[in-house]
Amino acid sequence: MTDSQKYICNLCSYITNRKSDYLKHGTTIKHLKQWENNTSDALIEKYYCEPCDFLTFRRYDYNRHLLSSKHTKPKFICKNCEREYKFKKKYEQHMTTCIKEESTDLSHIQNTTFICKNLTITNNFNINVYLNNEYGNAINIGDFRKQVTLSFDDLLYTKQNGYAKGISKIFIRKMEELGPCHRPIHCKNSKDPQFYVRDDNNWVEDTEHNELNMAIDSVACAQIGKIKDWEKINPNWSETNEGQKEYIDLVKCVLNGTTHSEQEKNNKLIKRNIRENIEICVP
């Protein structure tokens, strides 16, 4: 038998050559307890690409990033001042300032559209400049991720309604609590909605949804931590079949699916709910 034929759970040191046994193992008390005990805020920073400043706690997303063109993309050069940047984020931040300084009178660019990477000036209007001027007091997306707090009722809602609806409700509530002027995310209403995030005190377009995905993941991770509250309320859960079943059902609900396709489906639904329920403030 070759290694490629084996199904391995590194968390539990479990090995099998049968996919059905491997999937069954993922629902056992032993595996779920190991998974819960090893899930913490530290896991969010486990997979980090320093050159690209890319952060995720999903191995699949990290490996996909390493193979992407973004990871190996050459320097970014500003066409206005010819300054070079290695990182896309720093380049976009510079472009916001550079365009703002150059365009003291936005009427000079009437009826002209320039596309500089992901910074778009359309119909005499610069979205990034607008957001920085009108929503300059918004918190940074990184601070939002650190400040996420949940209640036990949030966990129960997710258990009853599923992962996508549970995360959507929490995320939307947090955005509404901050209000349009202070929330770190806005969305441009178009056929292909564009998300903009506040990062390093500047508004930038989140073209690949990396920042938004990490914000969603932070809400999901905070919800996982609430499982311990359930255990305190139900200290003898592991002593009965009913208690064990309820625990397994609870853990399954707070996980973002068991396959990549299911995870993608959930994330798309969450983003759609965010767009539909949060006021669109970007013209």
C-alpha atoms as a PDB file:
ATOM      1  CA  MET A   1       0.000   0.000   0.000  1.00  0.00           C
ATOM      2  CA  THR A   2       1.407   3.428  -0.916  1.00  0.00           C
ATOM      3  CA  ASP A   3       1.106   6.581   1.180  1.00  0.00           C
ATOM      4  CA  SER A   4      -1.159   8.080  -1.477  1.00  0.00           C
ATOM      5  CA  GLN A   5      -3.719   5.358  -0.751  1.00  0.00           C
ATOM      6  CA  LYS A   6      -3.856   6.118   2.945  1.00  0.00           C
ATOM      7  CA  TYR A   7      -6.255   8.483   4.693  1.00  0.00           C
ATOM      8  CA  ILE A   8      -4.483  10.137   7.598  1.00  0.00           C
ATOM      9  CA  CYS A   9      -5.802  12.243  10.498  1.00  0.00           C
ATOM     10  CA  ASN A  10      -2.692  13.942  11.874  1.00  0.00           C
ATOM     11  CA  LEU A  11      -4.691  15.324  14.784  1.00  0.00           C
ATOM     12  CA  CYS A  12      -5.442  11.857  16.176  1.00  0.00           C
ATOM     13  CA  SER A  13      -2.590   9.879  14.528  1.00  0.00           C
ATOM     14  CA  TYR A  14      -5.275   7.802  12.816  1.00  0.00           C
ATOM     15  CA  ILE A  15      -4.519   5.999   9.530  1.00  0.00           C
ATOM     16  CA  THR A  16      -6.820   3.964   7.304  1.00  0.00           C
ATOM     17  CA  ASN A  17      -6.991   2.938   3.665  1.00  0.00           C
ATOM     18  CA  ARG A  18     -10.767   3.258   3.560  1.00  0.00           C
ATOM     19  CA  LYS A  19     -12.343   6.617   2.878  1.00  0.00           C
ATOM     20  CA  SER A  20     -15.573   5.561   4.595  1.00  0.00           C
ATOM     21  CA  ASP A  21     -13.690   4.745   7.812  1.00  0.00           C
ATOM     22  CA  TYR A  22     -11.830   8.039   7.598  1.00  0.00           C
ATOM     23  CA  LEU A  23     -15.053  10.039   7.263  1.00  0.00           C
ATOM     24  CA  LYS A  24     -16.609   8.064  10.106  1.00  0.00           C
ATOM     25  CA  HIS A  25     -13.576   8.824  12.279  1.00  0.00           C
ATOM     26  CA  GLY A  26     -14.194  12.550  11.714  1.00  0.00           C
ATOM     27  CA  THR A  27     -17.493  12.273  13.601  1.00  0.00           C
ATOM     28  CA  THR A  28     -16.164  10.364  16.623  1.00  0.00           C
ATOM     29  CA  ILE A  29     -15.959  11.877  20.098  1.00  0.00           C
ATOM     30  CA  LYS A  30     -12.193  11.327  20.172  1.00  0.00           C
ATOM     31  CA  HIS A  31     -11.600  13.314  16.976  1.00  0.00           C
ATOM     32  CA  LEU A  32     -14.024  16.117  17.812  1.00  0.00           C
ATOM     33  CA  LYS A  33     -12.500  16.581  21.269  1.00  0.00           C
ATOM     34  CA  GLN A  34      -9.020  16.667  19.786  1.00  0.00           C
ATOM     35  CA  TRP A  35     -10.210  19.163  17.181  1.00  0.00           C
ATOM     36  CA  GLU A  36     -11.879  21.401  19.771  1.00  0.00           C
ATOM     37  CA  ASN A  37      -8.889  21.349  22.134  1.00  0.00           C
ATOM     38  CA  ASN A  38      -6.550  22.312  19.323  1.00  0.00           C
ATOM     39  CA  THR A  39      -8.758  25.042  17.887  1.00  0.00           C
ATOM     40  CA  SER A  40      -7.831  28.455  19.237  1.00  0.00           C
ATOM     41  CA  ASP A  41      -6.908  31.917  18.052  1.00  0.00           C
ATOM     42  CA  ALA A  42      -3.401  30.633  17.408  1.00  0.00           C
ATOM     43  CA  LEU A  43      -4.722  28.486  14.573  1.00  0.00           C
ATOM     44  CA  ILE A  44      -5.799  31.580  12.708  1.00  0.00           C
ATOM     45  CA  GLU A  45      -2.128  32.503  12.340  1.00  0.00           C
ATOM     46  CA  LYS A  46      -0.879  28.989  11.688  1.00  0.00           C
ATOM     47  CA  TYR A  47      -0.645  29.382   7.930  1.00  0.00           C
ATOM     48  CA  TYR A  48       1.031  32.716   7.206  1.00  0.00           C
ATOM     49  CA  CYS A  49       2.917  33.806   4.079  1.00  0.00           C
ATOM     50  CA  GLU A  50       5.125  36.655   5.273  1.00  0.00           C
ATOM     51  CA  PRO A  51       6.281  37.938   1.846  1.00  0.00           C
ATOM     52  CA  CYS A  52       2.670  38.416   0.764  1.00  0.00           C
ATOM     53  CA  ASP A  53       1.224  39.198   4.208  1.00  0.00           C
ATOM     54  CA  PHE A  54      -1.362  36.465   3.591  1.00  0.00           C
ATOM     55  CA  LEU A  55      -2.997  34.865   6.624  1.00  0.00           C
ATOM     56  CA  THR A  56      -5.382  31.898   6.939  1.00  0.00           C
ATOM     57  CA  PHE A  57      -6.015  28.965   9.246  1.00  0.00           C
ATOM     58  CA  ARG A  58      -7.075  26.671   6.419  1.00  0.00           C
ATOM     59  CA  ARG A  59      -4.285  24.573   4.905  1.00  0.00           C
ATOM     60  CA  TYR A  60      -6.162  24.334   1.595  1.00  0.00           C
ATOM     61  CA  ASP A  61      -6.323  28.132   1.198  1.00  0.00           C
ATOM     62  CA  TYR A  62      -2.650  28.454   2.162  1.00  0.00           C
ATOM     63  CA  ASN A  63      -1.510  25.877  -0.395  1.00  0.00           C
ATOM     64  CA  ARG A  64      -3.714  27.453  -3.043  1.00  0.00           C
ATOM     65  CA  HIS A  65      -2.113  30.826  -2.294  1.00  0.00           C
ATOM     66  CA  LEU A  66       1.412  29.406  -2.696  1.00  0.00           C
ATOM     67  CA  LEU A  67       0.482  28.176  -6.171  1.00  0.00           C
ATOM     68  CA  SER A  68      -1.277  31.383  -7.201  1.00  0.00           C
ATOM     69  CA  SER A  69       0.179  34.136  -9.368  1.00  0.00           C
ATOM     70  CA  LYS A  70      -0.222  36.539  -6.471  1.00  0.00           C
ATOM     71  CA  HIS A  71       2.499  34.699  -4.545  1.00  0.00           C
ATOM     72  CA  THR A  72       5.030  35.007  -7.354  1.00  0.00           C
ATOM     73  CA  LYS A  73       3.893  38.271  -8.904  1.00  0.00           C
ATOM     74  CA  PRO A  74       6.723  40.774  -9.660  1.00  0.00           C
ATOM     75  CA  LYS A  75       7.008  44.274  -8.256  1.00  0.00           C
ATOM     76  CA  PHE A  76       4.136  46.739  -8.602  1.00  0.00           C
ATOM     77  CA  ILE A  77       5.137  50.008 -10.274  1.00  0.00           C
ATOM     78  CA  CYS A  78       3.126  53.201  -9.954  1.00  0.00           C
ATOM     79  CA  LYS A  79       2.580  54.641 -13.437  1.00  0.00           C
ATOM     80  CA  ASN A  80       2.294  58.138 -12.000  1.00  0.00           C
ATOM     81  CA  CYS A  81       5.510  58.438  -9.969  1.00  0.00           C
ATOM     82  CA  GLU A  82       7.287  55.166 -10.930  1.00  0.00           C
ATOM     83  CA  ARG A  83       7.694  54.082  -7.314  1.00  0.00           C
ATOM     84  CA  GLU A  84       8.057  50.319  -6.937  1.00  0.00           C
ATOM     85  CA  TYR A  85       6.308  48.120  -4.386  1.00  0.00           C
ATOM     86  CA  LYS A  86       6.790  44.448  -3.670  1.00  0.00           C
ATOM     87  CA  PHE A  87       3.450  44.012  -1.907  1.00  0.00           C
ATOM     88  CA  LYS A  88       0.111  44.592  -3.559  1.00  0.00           C
ATOM     89  CA  LYS A  89      -1.450  46.029  -0.392  1.00  0.00           C
ATOM     90  CA  LYS A  90       1.223  48.709  -0.008  1.00  0.00           C
ATOM     91  CA  TYR A  91       0.931  49.489  -3.711  1.00  0.00           C
ATOM     92  CA  GLU A  92      -2.829  50.014  -3.461  1.00  0.00           C
ATOM     93  CA  GLN A  93      -2.400  52.235  -0.408  1.00  0.00           C
ATOM     94  CA  HIS A  94       0.159  54.339  -2.274  1.00  0.00           C
ATOM     95  CA  MET A  95      -2.090  54.604  -5.320  1.00  0.00           C
ATOM     96  CA  THR A  96      -4.871  56.023  -3.166  1.00  0.00           C
ATOM     97  CA  THR A  97      -2.579  58.821  -1.978  1.00  0.00           C
ATOM     98  CA  CYS A  98      -0.865  59.313  -5.315  1.00  0.00           C
ATOM     99  CA  ILE A  99      -4.116  59.607  -7.217  1.00  0.00           C
ATOM    100  CA  LYS A 100      -5.536  61.932  -4.564  1.00  0.00           C
ATOM    101  CA  GLU A 101      -2.551  64.294  -4.775  1.00  0.00           C
ATOM    102  CA  GLU A 102      -2.488  64.254  -8.552  1.00  0.00           C
ATOM    103  CA  SER A 103      -6.216  64.745  -8.957  1.00  0.00           C
ATOM    104  CA  THR A 104      -6.771  67.978  -7.041  1.00  0.00           C
ATOM    105  CA  ASP A 105      -9.660  68.608  -9.370  1.00  0.00           C
ATOM    106  CA  LEU A 106     -11.556  65.418 -10.230  1.00  0.00           C
ATOM    107  CA  SER A 107     -13.380  67.225 -13.023  1.00  0.00           C
ATOM    108  CA  HIS A 108     -10.209  66.916 -15.126  1.00  0.00           C
ATOM    109  CA  ILE A 109     -10.901  63.232 -15.564  1.00  0.00           C
ATOM    110  CA  GLN A 110     -14.528  63.567 -16.654  1.00  0.00           C
ATOM    111  CA  ASN A 111     -15.769  60.870 -19.065  1.00  0.00           C
ATOM    112  CA  THR A 112     -12.448  59.010 -18.717  1.00  0.00           C
ATOM    113  CA  THR A 113     -11.845  55.699 -17.046  1.00  0.00           C
ATOM    114  CA  PHE A 114      -8.459  54.631 -15.762  1.00  0.00           C
ATOM    115  CA  ILE A 115      -7.833  51.185 -14.332  1.00  0.00           C
ATOM    116  CA  CYS A 116      -4.683  50.908 -12.199  1.00  0.00           C
ATOM    117  CA  LYS A 117      -4.629  47.338 -10.979  1.00  0.00           C
ATOM    118  CA  ASN A 118      -7.598  47.106  -8.627  1.00  0.00           C
ATOM    119  CA  LEU A 119      -8.039  50.855  -8.139  1.00  0.00           C
ATOM    120  CA  THR A 120     -10.699  52.090 -10.568  1.00  0.00           C
ATOM    121  CA  ILE A 121     -11.651  55.674 -11.336  1.00  0.00           C
ATOM    122  CA  THR A 122     -14.958  55.685 -13.167  1.00  0.00           C
ATOM    123  CA  ASN A 123     -17.312  58.480 -14.247  1.00  0.00           C
ATOM    124  CA  ASN A 124     -15.312  61.243 -12.583  1.00  0.00           C
ATOM    125  CA  PHE A 125     -15.340  59.404  -9.273  1.00  0.00           C
ATOM    126  CA  ASN A 126     -12.725  57.638  -7.156  1.00  0.00           C
ATOM    127  CA  ILE A 127     -14.272  55.178  -4.714  1.00  0.00           C
ATOM    128  CA  ASN A 128     -11.185  54.788  -2.562  1.00  0.00           C
ATOM    129  CA  VAL A 129     -10.819  58.546  -2.120  1.00  0.00           C
ATOM    130  CA  TYR A 130     -14.524  58.844  -1.338  1.00  0.00           C
ATOM    131  CA  LEU A 131     -14.356  56.148   1.338  1.00  0.00           C
ATOM    132  CA  ASN A 132     -11.269  57.665   2.941  1.00  0.00           C
ATOM    133  CA  ASN A 133     -12.949  61.080   3.036  1.00  0.00           C
ATOM    134  CA  GLU A 134     -16.424  60.021   4.145  1.00  0.00           C
ATOM    135  CA  TYR A 135     -15.594  57.008   6.334  1.00  0.00           C
ATOM    136  CA  GLY A 136     -12.150  57.897   7.638  1.00  0.00           C
ATOM    137  CA  ASN A 137     -13.225  57.065  11.210  1.00  0.00           C
ATOM    138  CA  ALA A 138     -13.997  53.430  10.424  1.00  0.00           C
ATOM    139  CA  ILE A 139     -12.095  50.812  12.393  1.00  0.00           C
ATOM    140  CA  ASN A 140      -9.539  48.609  10.657  1.00  0.00           C
ATOM    141  CA  ILE A 141     -10.618  45.135   9.603  1.00  0.00           C
ATOM    142  CA  GLY A 142      -7.866  43.630  11.782  1.00  0.00           C
ATOM    143  CA  ASP A 143      -9.256  45.367  14.869  1.00  0.00           C
ATOM    144  CA  PHE A 144     -12.724  44.079  14.027  1.00  0.00           C
ATOM    145  CA  ARG A 145     -11.426  40.510  13.946  1.00  0.00           C
ATOM    146  CA  LYS A 146      -9.834  40.928  17.378  1.00  0.00           C
ATOM    147  CA  GLN A 147     -12.955  42.476  18.930  1.00  0.00           C
ATOM    148  CA  VAL A 148     -15.500  39.841  17.880  1.00  0.00           C
ATOM    149  CA  THR A 149     -17.459  38.539  20.879  1.00  0.00           C
ATOM    150  CA  LEU A 150     -20.396  36.143  20.860  1.00  0.00           C
ATOM    151  CA  SER A 151     -23.126  35.014  23.213  1.00  0.00           C
ATOM    152  CA  PHE A 152     -24.298  31.518  24.044  1.00  0.00           C
ATOM    153  CA  ASP A 153     -27.537  32.318  22.223  1.00  0.00           C
ATOM    154  CA  ASP A 154     -25.502  32.814  19.035  1.00  0.00           C
ATOM    155  CA  LEU A 155     -24.258  29.247  19.342  1.00  0.00           C
ATOM    156  CA  LEU A 156     -27.783  27.912  19.863  1.00  0.00           C
ATOM    157  CA  TYR A 157     -29.043  29.860  16.835  1.00  0.00           C
ATOM    158  CA  THR A 158     -26.348  28.305  14.645  1.00  0.00           C
ATOM    159  CA  LYS A 159     -27.199  24.865  15.997  1.00  0.00           C
ATOM    160  CA  GLN A 160     -30.841  25.344  15.009  1.00  0.00           C
ATOM    161  CA  ASN A 161     -30.307  27.123  11.678  1.00  0.00           C
ATOM    162  CA  GLY A 162     -26.964  25.923  10.325  1.00  0.00           C
ATOM    163  CA  TYR A 163     -23.499  27.375   9.806  1.00  0.00           C
ATOM    164  CA  ALA A 164     -24.203  29.866   7.008  1.00  0.00           C
ATOM    165  CA  LYS A 165     -27.263  31.465   8.633  1.00  0.00           C
ATOM    166  CA  GLY A 166     -25.591  31.514  12.049  1.00  0.00           C
ATOM    167  CA  ILE A 167     -22.403  33.224  10.878  1.00  0.00           C
ATOM    168  CA  SER A 168     -24.394  35.617   8.678  1.00  0.00           C
ATOM    169  CA  LYS A 169     -26.578  36.749  11.573  1.00  0.00           C
ATOM    170  CA  ILE A 170     -23.598  37.350  13.869  1.00  0.00           C
ATOM    171  CA  PHE A 171     -21.573  39.161  11.213  1.00  0.00           C
ATOM    172  CA  ILE A 172     -24.446  41.389  10.109  1.00  0.00           C
ATOM    173  CA  ARG A 173     -25.327  42.263  13.713  1.00  0.00           C
ATOM    174  CA  LYS A 174     -21.748  43.315  14.424  1.00  0.00           C
ATOM    175  CA  MET A 175     -21.692  45.506  11.309  1.00  0.00           C
ATOM    176  CA  GLU A 176     -24.994  47.131  12.267  1.00  0.00           C
ATOM    177  CA  GLU A 177     -23.740  47.788  15.803  1.00  0.00           C
ATOM    178  CA  LEU A 178     -20.781  49.704  14.384  1.00  0.00           C
ATOM    179  CA  GLY A 179     -22.919  51.635  11.921  1.00  0.00           C
ATOM    180  CA  PRO A 180     -21.994  52.800   8.391  1.00  0.00           C
ATOM    181  CA  CYS A 181     -19.411  55.330   9.591  1.00  0.00           C
ATOM    182  CA  HIS A 182     -17.379  52.927  11.720  1.00  0.00           C
ATOM    183  CA  ARG A 183     -17.741  49.498  10.159  1.00  0.00           C
ATOM    184  CA  PRO A 184     -14.657  48.260   8.260  1.00  0.00           C
ATOM    185  CA  ILE A 185     -16.515  46.878   5.234  1.00  0.00           C
ATOM    186  CA  HIS A 186     -18.561  48.489   2.469  1.00  0.00           C
ATOM    187  CA  CYS A 187     -19.899  47.038  -0.741  1.00  0.00           C
ATOM    188  CA  LYS A 188     -20.385  48.676  -4.120  1.00  0.00           C
ATOM    189  CA  ASN A 189     -23.772  47.787  -5.512  1.00  0.00           C
ATOM    190  CA  SER A 190     -23.243  46.381  -8.983  1.00  0.00           C
ATOM    191  CA  LYS A 191     -23.866  43.265 -11.046  1.00  0.00           C
ATOM    192  CA  ASP A 192     -20.611  41.917  -9.635  1.00  0.00           C
ATOM    193  CA  PRO A 193     -20.510  43.385  -6.088  1.00  0.00           C
ATOM    194  CA  GLN A 194     -17.154  44.728  -4.955  1.00  0.00           C
ATOM    195  CA  PHE A 195     -16.131  44.647  -1.296  1.00  0.00           C
ATOM    196  CA  TYR A 196     -13.949  47.389   0.169  1.00  0.00           C
ATOM    197  CA  VAL A 197     -12.216  47.043   3.532  1.00  0.00           C
ATOM    198  CA  ARG A 198     -10.500  49.446   5.898  1.00  0.00           C
ATOM    199  CA  ASP A 199      -6.922  48.240   6.447  1.00  0.00           C
ATOM    200  CA  ASP A 200      -3.944  50.170   7.848  1.00  0.00           C
ATOM    201  CA  ASN A 201      -6.196  53.260   8.030  1.00  0.00           C
ATOM    202  CA  ASN A 202      -6.887  53.165   4.293  1.00  0.00           C
ATOM    203  CA  TRP A 203      -9.772  51.847   2.234  1.00  0.00           C
ATOM    204  CA  VAL A 204      -8.782  49.268  -0.386  1.00  0.00           C
ATOM    205  CA  GLU A 205     -10.721  46.925  -2.636  1.00  0.00           C
ATOM    206  CA  ASP A 206     -10.698  43.362  -1.330  1.00  0.00           C
ATOM    207  CA  THR A 207     -10.493  41.885  -4.815  1.00  0.00           C
ATOM    208  CA  GLU A 208      -9.840  38.289  -3.752  1.00  0.00           C
ATOM    209  CA  HIS A 209     -11.947  38.544  -0.566  1.00  0.00           C
ATOM    210  CA  ASN A 210      -8.928  37.580   1.554  1.00  0.00           C
ATOM    211  CA  GLU A 211      -9.727  40.135   4.271  1.00  0.00           C
ATOM    212  CA  LEU A 212     -13.442  39.376   4.216  1.00  0.00           C
ATOM    213  CA  ASN A 213     -12.771  35.639   4.426  1.00  0.00           C
ATOM    214  CA  MET A 214     -10.514  36.132   7.450  1.00  0.00           C
ATOM    215  CA  ALA A 215     -13.187  38.282   9.117  1.00  0.00           C
ATOM    216  CA  ILE A 216     -15.757  35.537   8.539  1.00  0.00           C
ATOM    217  CA  ASP A 217     -13.288  32.959   9.870  1.00  0.00           C
ATOM    218  CA  SER A 218     -12.727  35.020  13.026  1.00  0.00           C
ATOM    219  CA  VAL A 219     -16.472  34.992  13.730  1.00  0.00           C
ATOM    220  CA  ALA A 220     -16.549  31.234  13.123  1.00  0.00           C
ATOM    221  CA  CYS A 221     -13.567  30.667  15.422  1.00  0.00           C
ATOM    222  CA  ALA A 222     -15.147  32.752  18.188  1.00  0.00           C
ATOM    223  CA  GLN A 223     -18.255  30.607  17.889  1.00  0.00           C
ATOM    224  CA  ILE A 224     -16.197  27.428  18.255  1.00  0.00           C
ATOM    225  CA  GLY A 225     -14.934  28.768  21.580  1.00  0.00           C
ATOM    226  CA  LYS A 226     -18.514  28.892  22.829  1.00  0.00           C
ATOM    227  CA  ILE A 227     -18.685  25.096  22.766  1.00  0.00           C
ATOM    228  CA  LYS A 228     -16.894  25.110  26.116  1.00  0.00           C
ATOM    229  CA  ASP A 229     -19.799  27.125  27.553  1.00  0.00           C
ATOM    230  CA  TRP A 230     -22.147  24.382  26.403  1.00  0.00           C
ATOM    231  CA  GLU A 231     -19.925  21.782  28.099  1.00  0.00           C
ATOM    232  CA  LYS A 232     -20.088  23.720  31.378  1.00  0.00           C
ATOM    233  CA  ILE A 233     -23.878  23.788  31.203  1.00  0.00           C
ATOM    234  CA  ASN A 234     -23.928  20.076  30.310  1.00  0.00           C
ATOM    235  CA  PRO A 235     -21.026  18.606  32.358  1.00  0.00           C
ATOM    236  CA  ASN A 236     -22.229  15.008  31.995  1.00  0.00           C
ATOM    237  CA  TRP A 237     -22.824  15.095  28.251  1.00  0.00           C
ATOM    238  CA  SER A 238     -20.250  12.376  27.504  1.00  0.00           C
ATOM    239  CA  GLU A 239     -21.915   9.852  29.832  1.00  0.00           C
ATOM    240  CA  THR A 240     -25.031   9.284  27.715  1.00  0.00           C
ATOM    241  CA  ASN A 241     -25.630   8.475  24.075  1.00  0.00           C
ATOM    242  CA  GLU A 242     -28.060  11.376  23.849  1.00  0.00           C
ATOM    243  CA  GLY A 243     -25.471  13.793  25.246  1.00  0.00           C
ATOM    244  CA  GLN A 244     -22.788  12.545  22.873  1.00  0.00           C
ATOM    245  CA  LYS A 245     -25.115  12.879  19.895  1.00  0.00           C
ATOM    246  CA  GLU A 246     -26.052  16.428  20.857  1.00  0.00           C
ATOM    247  CA  TYR A 247     -22.379  17.327  21.213  1.00  0.00           C
ATOM    248  CA  ILE A 248     -21.521  15.881  17.798  1.00  0.00           C
ATOM    249  CA  ASP A 249     -24.464  17.687  16.172  1.00  0.00           C
ATOM    250  CA  LEU A 250     -23.351  20.936  17.793  1.00  0.00           C
ATOM    251  CA  VAL A 251     -19.767  20.618  16.568  1.00  0.00           C
ATOM    252  CA  LYS A 252     -20.928  19.761  13.052  1.00  0.00           C
ATOM    253  CA  CYS A 253     -23.049  22.913  12.968  1.00  0.00           C
ATOM    254  CA  VAL A 254     -20.179  25.249  13.841  1.00  0.00           C
ATOM    255  CA  LEU A 255     -17.865  23.670  11.252  1.00  0.00           C
ATOM    256  CA  ASN A 256     -17.795  25.163   7.773  1.00  0.00           C
ATOM    257  CA  GLY A 257     -18.738  21.949   6.025  1.00  0.00           C
ATOM    258  CA  THR A 258     -16.756  18.752   5.557  1.00  0.00           C
ATOM    259  CA  THR A 259     -15.758  19.289   1.911  1.00  0.00           C
ATOM    260  CA  HIS A 260     -14.232  22.188   0.011  1.00  0.00           C
ATOM    261  CA  SER A 261     -17.309  22.561  -2.206  1.00  0.00           C
ATOM    262  CA  GLU A 262     -19.550  22.792   0.851  1.00  0.00           C
ATOM    263  CA  GLN A 263     -17.247  25.404   2.395  1.00  0.00           C
ATOM    264  CA  GLU A 264     -17.322  27.461  -0.798  1.00  0.00           C
ATOM    265  CA  LYS A 265     -21.120  27.238  -0.917  1.00  0.00           C
ATOM    266  CA  ASN A 266     -21.420  28.422   2.695  1.00  0.00           C
ATOM    267  CA  ASN A 267     -19.013  31.320   2.166  1.00  0.00           C
ATOM    268  CA  LYS A 268     -20.863  32.496  -0.951  1.00  0.00           C
ATOM    269  CA  LEU A 269     -24.157  32.395   0.938  1.00  0.00           C
ATOM    270  CA  ILE A 270     -22.693  34.372   3.858  1.00  0.00           C
ATOM    271  CA  LYS A 271     -21.319  37.050   1.513  1.00  0.00           C
ATOM    272  CA  ARG A 272     -24.656  37.277  -0.284  1.00  0.00           C
ATOM    273  CA  ASN A 273     -26.429  37.733   3.052  1.00  0.00           C
ATOM    274  CA  ILE A 274     -23.958  40.452   4.014  1.00  0.00           C
ATOM    275  CA  ARG A 275     -24.640  42.318   0.765  1.00  0.00           C
ATOM    276  CA  GLU A 276     -28.412  42.004   1.100  1.00  0.00           C
ATOM    277  CA  ASN A 277     -28.682  43.008   4.755  1.00  0.00           C
ATOM    278  CA  ILE A 278     -26.084  45.730   5.207  1.00  0.00           C
ATOM    279  CA  GLU A 279     -26.839  49.122   3.721  1.00  0.00           C
ATOM    280  CA  ILE A 280     -24.803  49.791   0.597  1.00  0.00           C
ATOM    281  CA  CYS A 281     -23.011  53.075   1.194  1.00  0.00           C
ATOM    282  CA  VAL A 282     -20.549  53.103  -1.698  1.00  0.00           C
ATOM    283  CA  PRO A 283     -21.937  55.079  -4.674  1.00  0.00           C
END
